[in-house]
Protein backbone atom coordinates (compact mmCIF):
# COMPACT_ATOMS: atom_id res chain seq x y z
CA THR A 1 -15.31 19.36 5.85
CA PRO A 2 -14.43 15.72 6.56
CA SER A 3 -14.68 14.49 10.14
CA ALA A 4 -11.55 13.52 12.09
CA GLU A 5 -12.51 9.85 11.71
CA ASP A 6 -12.85 10.19 7.92
CA GLN A 7 -9.48 12.00 7.77
CA SER A 8 -7.83 9.29 9.87
CA GLY A 9 -9.22 6.57 7.59
CA ARG A 10 -8.03 8.47 4.52
CA ASN A 11 -4.53 8.87 6.00
CA LYS A 12 -4.34 5.15 6.76
CA SER A 13 -5.48 4.36 3.23
CA VAL A 14 -2.80 6.63 1.75
CA THR A 15 -0.19 5.01 4.00
CA ARG A 16 -1.20 1.52 2.84
CA TRP A 17 -1.10 2.77 -0.74
CA SER A 18 2.43 4.13 -0.24
CA VAL A 19 3.84 0.81 0.97
CA VAL A 20 2.23 -0.97 -2.00
CA LEU A 21 4.07 1.44 -4.31
CA GLN A 22 7.29 0.95 -2.34
CA ALA A 23 7.00 -2.83 -2.67
CA LYS A 24 6.22 -2.64 -6.37
CA PHE A 25 8.48 0.21 -7.58
CA GLY A 26 10.95 0.92 -4.77
CA LYS A 27 11.91 4.41 -3.63
CA CYS A 28 9.71 7.29 -4.85
CA ASN A 29 11.12 8.30 -8.22
CA ILE A 30 8.56 10.70 -9.63
CA PRO A 31 8.40 14.50 -9.41
CA LYS A 32 6.22 16.13 -6.77
CA PRO A 33 2.71 16.89 -8.10
CA GLY A 34 1.61 20.48 -8.71
CA PHE A 35 0.42 22.86 -6.01
CA PHE A 36 -3.31 22.33 -6.67
CA ASP A 37 -3.12 18.53 -6.85
CA PHE A 38 -3.87 18.06 -3.16
CA GLU A 39 -4.59 14.34 -3.31
CA GLY A 40 -1.57 13.66 -5.53
CA LYS A 41 0.69 15.61 -3.18
CA GLN A 42 -0.63 13.71 -0.16
CA LYS A 43 0.08 10.38 -1.88
CA TRP A 44 3.50 11.55 -3.10
CA GLU A 45 4.48 12.74 0.38
CA ALA A 46 3.39 9.42 1.92
CA TRP A 47 5.42 7.44 -0.61
CA LYS A 48 8.41 9.78 -0.23
CA ALA A 49 8.22 9.35 3.58
CA VAL A 50 8.68 5.59 3.21
CA GLY A 51 12.23 6.37 2.10
CA ASP A 52 14.61 3.46 1.58
CA MET A 53 12.32 0.73 2.95
CA THR A 54 12.95 -2.58 1.17
CA ALA A 55 10.23 -4.29 -0.86
CA GLN A 56 10.11 -7.08 1.75
CA GLN A 57 9.64 -4.58 4.60
CA ALA A 58 6.93 -2.76 2.62
CA MET A 59 5.04 -6.02 2.02
CA GLN A 60 5.25 -6.83 5.73
CA GLU A 61 3.94 -3.35 6.65
CA TYR A 62 1.01 -3.80 4.26
CA ILE A 63 0.18 -7.23 5.67
CA ALA A 64 0.35 -5.83 9.22
CA ALA A 65 -2.02 -2.99 8.24
CA VAL A 66 -4.49 -5.41 6.66
CA ASN A 67 -4.31 -7.64 9.75
CA LYS A 68 -5.27 -4.63 11.90
CA LEU A 69 -8.32 -4.05 9.70
CA ASP A 70 -9.28 -7.73 9.63
CA PRO A 71 -7.59 -9.89 12.27
CA GLU A 72 -9.24 -12.99 10.76
CA TRP A 73 -7.54 -12.40 7.38
CA ASN A 74 -4.81 -14.84 6.44
CA PRO A 75 -2.70 -14.25 3.31
CA GLN A 76 -2.36 -18.01 2.87
CA ASP A 77 -6.15 -18.28 2.43
CA SER A 78 -5.87 -15.97 -0.59
CA VAL A 79 -3.61 -18.38 -2.49
CA LYS A 80 -5.36 -21.09 -4.50
CA GLU A 81 -4.06 -24.63 -4.08
CA SER A 82 -3.05 -24.71 -7.75
CA ASP A 83 -0.97 -21.54 -7.24
CA GLN A 84 0.86 -22.87 -4.17
CA LYS A 85 3.75 -24.14 -6.31
CA LEU A 86 4.18 -20.89 -8.25
CA ARG A 87 4.88 -18.60 -5.29
CA PHE A 88 6.25 -15.81 -7.44
CA GLY A 89 6.36 -12.38 -5.79
CA GLY A 90 5.35 -13.36 -2.26
CA PRO A 91 1.95 -13.73 -0.65
CA VAL A 92 -1.21 -12.45 -2.28
CA VAL A 93 -2.26 -9.38 -0.31
CA SER A 94 -5.16 -7.97 -2.29
CA SER A 95 -7.27 -8.86 -5.26
CA LEU A 96 -8.70 -5.33 -5.41
CA TYR A 97 -5.48 -3.53 -6.38
CA GLN A 98 -5.90 -0.97 -9.11
CA GLU A 99 -3.00 1.01 -10.48
CA GLU A 100 -3.50 4.69 -9.85
CA MET A 101 -1.79 7.69 -11.35
CA ILE A 102 -0.51 10.27 -8.88
């Protein structure tokens, strides 16, 4: 069984994932996964719990969570000088994002 520390890290990861979905897609709009899809249900419940949070609030929550993990991180450092003028969609928060099916 996973340790309490592993479980806590997993919960925080799922929470970060849920605010990314909220920022990208808005309110949870998919059916609840099946009974035996434990990971899918955990992710669905986390996204559903975010409720009516706006995309802007979700982005701010994600940035705050990343800042807790790495206080030295600055979203402005992630934006190339050539991209400074484009500024479409807000600050760059992760280059490791991968879309995941729930």
